[in-house]
N, C-alpha and C. Protein backbone atom coordinates (compact mmCIF):
# COMPACT_ATOMS: atom_id res chain seq x y z
N MET A 1 -38.68 33.18 -14.08
CA MET A 1 -39.67 31.97 -13.83
C MET A 1 -41.37 32.44 -14.22
N LYS A 2 -41.92 31.99 -14.75
CA LYS A 2 -43.61 32.82 -14.74
C LYS A 2 -44.00 32.21 -12.88
N SER A 3 -44.69 33.31 -12.88
CA SER A 3 -45.48 32.82 -11.55
C SER A 3 -46.44 32.53 -11.71
N PRO A 4 -46.05 30.79 -11.35
CA PRO A 4 -48.13 30.25 -11.20
C PRO A 4 -48.79 30.59 -10.31
N ASN A 5 -49.89 30.37 -10.57
CA ASN A 5 -50.75 30.55 -10.02
C ASN A 5 -51.88 29.75 -9.56
N ARG A 6 -51.81 29.79 -7.70
CA ARG A 6 -51.97 29.05 -7.09
C ARG A 6 -51.93 30.06 -5.70
N ASP A 7 -52.24 29.52 -4.76
CA ASP A 7 -52.33 29.86 -2.84
C ASP A 7 -51.89 28.84 -2.28
N LEU A 8 -50.78 29.51 -1.41
CA LEU A 8 -50.21 28.26 -0.57
C LEU A 8 -50.96 28.98 0.84
N LEU A 9 -50.20 27.99 1.85
CA LEU A 9 -50.34 28.80 2.68
C LEU A 9 -49.76 28.05 3.69
N VAL A 10 -48.92 29.08 4.38
CA VAL A 10 -47.62 29.75 4.63
C VAL A 10 -47.51 29.70 6.19
N LEU A 11 -47.58 28.53 7.27
CA LEU A 11 -47.40 28.67 8.83
C LEU A 11 -45.94 29.34 9.32
N LEU A 12 -46.29 30.21 10.42
CA LEU A 12 -44.75 30.43 10.14
C LEU A 12 -44.82 30.20 12.16
N LYS A 13 -43.90 29.73 12.88
CA LYS A 13 -43.83 29.60 14.47
C LYS A 13 -43.46 30.59 14.84
N ASP A 14 -43.24 31.19 14.69
CA ASP A 14 -43.04 32.99 15.32
C ASP A 14 -42.81 33.81 13.91
N ASP A 15 -43.05 34.92 14.45
CA ASP A 15 -43.27 36.27 13.94
C ASP A 15 -42.21 37.17 13.86
N SER A 16 -41.04 36.75 13.69
CA SER A 16 -39.48 37.48 13.69
C SER A 16 -39.27 37.44 12.05
N MET A 17 -39.53 36.37 11.35
CA MET A 17 -39.31 36.28 9.23
C MET A 17 -39.81 38.12 10.04
N SER A 18 -39.63 39.43 8.53
CA SER A 18 -39.83 39.92 7.75
C SER A 18 -40.48 39.44 6.03
N GLU A 19 -40.96 41.12 6.12
CA GLU A 19 -41.82 41.11 4.82
C GLU A 19 -41.10 39.86 3.14
N TYR A 20 -39.97 40.50 3.34
CA TYR A 20 -38.92 40.03 2.74
C TYR A 20 -38.40 38.45 2.19
N ALA A 21 -38.79 38.21 4.07
CA ALA A 21 -37.91 36.64 3.29
C ALA A 21 -39.07 36.12 3.68
N ILE A 22 -39.80 36.75 4.17
CA ILE A 22 -41.66 35.08 3.60
C ILE A 22 -41.80 35.63 2.07
N GLU A 23 -41.78 36.58 1.43
CA GLU A 23 -42.17 36.55 0.18
C GLU A 23 -40.61 35.44 -0.43
N LYS A 24 -38.86 35.46 -0.23
CA LYS A 24 -38.23 34.86 -0.57
C LYS A 24 -38.85 33.41 -0.34
N GLU A 25 -39.40 32.72 0.44
CA GLU A 25 -39.20 31.45 0.95
C GLU A 25 -41.03 31.29 0.26
N VAL A 26 -41.60 31.94 0.74
CA VAL A 26 -42.51 31.70 -0.83
C VAL A 26 -42.38 30.93 -1.96
N GLU A 27 -41.26 32.11 -2.29
CA GLU A 27 -40.28 32.17 -4.14
C GLU A 27 -39.34 30.48 -4.54
N LYS A 28 -39.17 30.65 -3.36
CA LYS A 28 -38.29 28.51 -3.05
C LYS A 28 -39.47 27.54 -3.43
N LEU A 29 -40.49 27.71 -2.50
CA LEU A 29 -41.26 26.70 -2.52
C LEU A 29 -42.41 27.09 -4.05
N ASN A 30 -42.63 27.94 -4.55
CA ASN A 30 -42.79 27.79 -5.81
C ASN A 30 -41.87 27.71 -6.79
N ALA A 31 -40.17 27.39 -6.50
CA ALA A 31 -39.57 26.76 -7.44
C ALA A 31 -39.34 25.23 -7.69
N LEU A 32 -40.06 24.83 -6.13
CA LEU A 32 -39.58 23.59 -5.17
C LEU A 32 -40.73 22.78 -6.31
N LEU A 33 -41.81 23.58 -6.27
CA LEU A 33 -43.21 23.07 -6.41
C LEU A 33 -43.49 21.98 -8.07
N PHE A 34 -42.91 23.66 -8.40
CA PHE A 34 -42.56 23.85 -9.68
C PHE A 34 -41.51 22.11 -10.84
N THR A 35 -40.14 22.03 -9.33
CA THR A 35 -38.98 21.59 -10.23
C THR A 35 -40.35 20.06 -9.78
N VAL A 36 -40.95 20.08 -8.88
CA VAL A 36 -41.53 18.67 -8.35
C VAL A 36 -43.36 18.15 -9.20
N GLU A 37 -43.22 19.16 -9.28
CA GLU A 37 -44.94 18.91 -10.58
C GLU A 37 -44.54 18.79 -12.17
N LYS A 38 -43.21 19.04 -13.01
CA LYS A 38 -43.69 19.25 -14.13
C LYS A 38 -42.86 17.44 -14.29
N GLY A 39 -43.97 17.34 -15.58
CA GLY A 39 -44.18 15.47 -16.48
C GLY A 39 -42.71 14.92 -16.21
N ASP A 40 -41.96 14.54 -16.24
CA ASP A 40 -40.92 14.09 -16.22
C ASP A 40 -40.65 13.76 -14.06
N HIS A 41 -41.34 13.93 -13.34
CA HIS A 41 -41.95 13.41 -12.38
C HIS A 41 -43.25 12.51 -11.44
N SER A 42 -44.37 13.66 -12.05
CA SER A 42 -45.63 13.71 -12.22
C SER A 42 -45.69 11.98 -11.63
N TRP A 43 -45.17 11.00 -13.02
CA TRP A 43 -45.42 9.87 -12.40
C TRP A 43 -44.86 9.45 -11.20
N ASN A 44 -44.10 9.35 -11.09
CA ASN A 44 -42.99 8.80 -9.39
C ASN A 44 -43.66 8.70 -8.65
N ALA A 45 -45.11 9.32 -8.32
CA ALA A 45 -45.99 8.98 -7.33
C ALA A 45 -46.87 8.24 -7.31
N TYR A 46 -47.26 8.29 -8.77
CA TYR A 46 -48.71 7.59 -8.90
C TYR A 46 -48.16 5.50 -8.87
N GLU A 47 -49.40 4.66 -8.77
CA GLU A 47 -49.43 3.33 -8.96
C GLU A 47 -50.84 2.85 -9.73
N LEU A 48 -50.63 2.34 -10.78
CA LEU A 48 -51.57 1.73 -11.81
C LEU A 48 -53.10 0.96 -10.83
N ILE A 49 -53.80 0.22 -10.54
CA ILE A 49 -54.11 -1.02 -9.55
C ILE A 49 -54.90 -1.24 -10.63
N ASP A 50 -54.80 -2.60 -10.67
CA ASP A 50 -55.27 -2.83 -12.44
C ASP A 50 -56.49 -4.34 -11.83
N LEU A 51 -57.54 -4.05 -11.36
CA LEU A 51 -57.70 -5.16 -10.68
C LEU A 51 -58.58 -6.37 -12.01
N ASN A 52 -58.43 -5.60 -12.74
CA ASN A 52 -58.44 -6.57 -14.07
C ASN A 52 -57.37 -7.91 -13.89
N LYS A 53 -56.85 -7.18 -14.77
CA LYS A 53 -55.25 -7.96 -14.17
C LYS A 53 -54.78 -8.57 -13.50
N PHE A 54 -55.09 -8.08 -12.03
CA PHE A 54 -55.04 -8.22 -11.01
C PHE A 54 -53.57 -7.72 -10.17
N LYS A 55 -52.90 -6.60 -10.82
CA LYS A 55 -52.10 -6.27 -11.15
C LYS A 55 -51.50 -5.13 -10.42
N VAL A 56 -50.73 -4.53 -9.58
CA VAL A 56 -50.51 -3.56 -9.52
C VAL A 56 -48.87 -3.26 -10.38
N GLN A 57 -48.93 -1.68 -11.31
CA GLN A 57 -48.47 -0.75 -11.92
C GLN A 57 -47.19 0.05 -11.59
N HIS A 58 -46.49 -0.01 -11.31
CA HIS A 58 -44.98 1.28 -11.31
C HIS A 58 -44.84 1.28 -13.11
N ASP A 59 -44.40 1.38 -13.77
CA ASP A 59 -43.15 1.02 -14.83
C ASP A 59 -43.78 2.52 -15.25
N LYS A 60 -42.87 3.56 -16.04
CA LYS A 60 -43.25 4.48 -16.14
C LYS A 60 -44.48 4.81 -17.85
N LYS A 61 -43.92 4.49 -18.53
CA LYS A 61 -44.95 3.74 -19.96
C LYS A 61 -46.31 3.68 -19.68
N THR A 62 -46.71 3.14 -18.73
CA THR A 62 -47.93 2.13 -18.69
C THR A 62 -48.31 3.86 -17.76
N LEU A 63 -48.09 4.28 -16.92
CA LEU A 63 -48.44 5.47 -15.39
C LEU A 63 -48.79 6.18 -16.29
N VAL A 64 -47.85 6.82 -17.36
CA VAL A 64 -47.96 7.89 -17.84
C VAL A 64 -49.37 7.74 -19.19
N ALA A 65 -49.13 6.51 -19.72
CA ALA A 65 -50.26 6.29 -21.39
C ALA A 65 -51.90 6.36 -19.67
N ALA A 66 -52.22 6.08 -18.79
CA ALA A 66 -52.55 6.37 -17.65
C ALA A 66 -53.07 7.75 -17.40
N LEU A 67 -52.56 9.15 -16.94
CA LEU A 67 -52.09 9.86 -16.57
C LEU A 67 -53.20 11.03 -17.74
N ARG A 68 -53.28 10.49 -19.06
CA ARG A 68 -53.37 11.51 -20.11
C ARG A 68 -54.57 10.94 -20.07
N GLN A 69 -55.18 9.85 -19.63
CA GLN A 69 -56.20 9.77 -20.39
C GLN A 69 -57.40 10.38 -19.77
N LYS A 70 -58.36 10.66 -20.08
CA LYS A 70 -59.48 11.23 -20.08
C LYS A 70 -60.51 10.76 -18.57
N GLU A 71 -60.34 9.84 -18.95
CA GLU A 71 -61.86 8.58 -18.14
C GLU A 71 -60.67 7.46 -18.52
N LEU A 72 -60.77 6.39 -17.10
CA LEU A 72 -59.67 5.02 -17.32
C LEU A 72 -60.35 3.72 -16.61
N LYS A 73 -60.24 3.94 -17.20
CA LYS A 73 -61.64 1.94 -17.84
C LYS A 73 -61.90 2.01 -16.40
N PRO A 74 -63.01 0.70 -16.63
CA PRO A 74 -63.95 0.38 -15.52
C PRO A 74 -62.50 -0.62 -14.64
N PHE A 75 -62.41 -0.07 -13.24
CA PHE A 75 -61.14 -1.52 -12.41
C PHE A 75 -60.29 -0.98 -12.60
N LEU A 76 -59.73 0.46 -13.49
CA LEU A 76 -58.83 0.47 -13.57
C LEU A 76 -58.46 1.93 -12.08
N PHE A 77 -57.62 1.87 -11.13
CA PHE A 77 -56.82 2.66 -10.00
C PHE A 77 -55.84 3.67 -10.20
N LEU A 78 -55.90 4.64 -9.89
CA LEU A 78 -54.49 5.68 -9.91
C LEU A 78 -54.74 5.66 -8.70
N ASN A 79 -53.40 5.48 -7.98
CA ASN A 79 -53.00 5.64 -6.43
C ASN A 79 -52.45 6.30 -6.49
N ASN A 80 -52.22 7.76 -5.57
CA ASN A 80 -51.53 8.42 -4.70
C ASN A 80 -50.05 7.60 -4.02
N LEU A 81 -48.93 7.56 -3.94
CA LEU A 81 -48.41 7.53 -2.89
C LEU A 81 -47.82 8.38 -1.97
N ASN A 82 -48.40 9.36 -2.42
CA ASN A 82 -48.31 10.79 -1.14
C ASN A 82 -48.90 10.55 0.17
């Protein structure tokens, strides 16, 4: 797997972990984040609030189209549910 270009801050409760264990933990975190951030899963974390129609939309087709736009139309808001 290609190494992602990101900075992670990992906080440890104790100093008993070795460098190797910390590296493995960071690799597992990167793999987990890579899986979650893939295009197939990113739409699950959003809802589209349309104040023009007074609707909140959760369907995949609408959300994927909204996420791909460079700029949303007026009074359309992407809300992250995390």
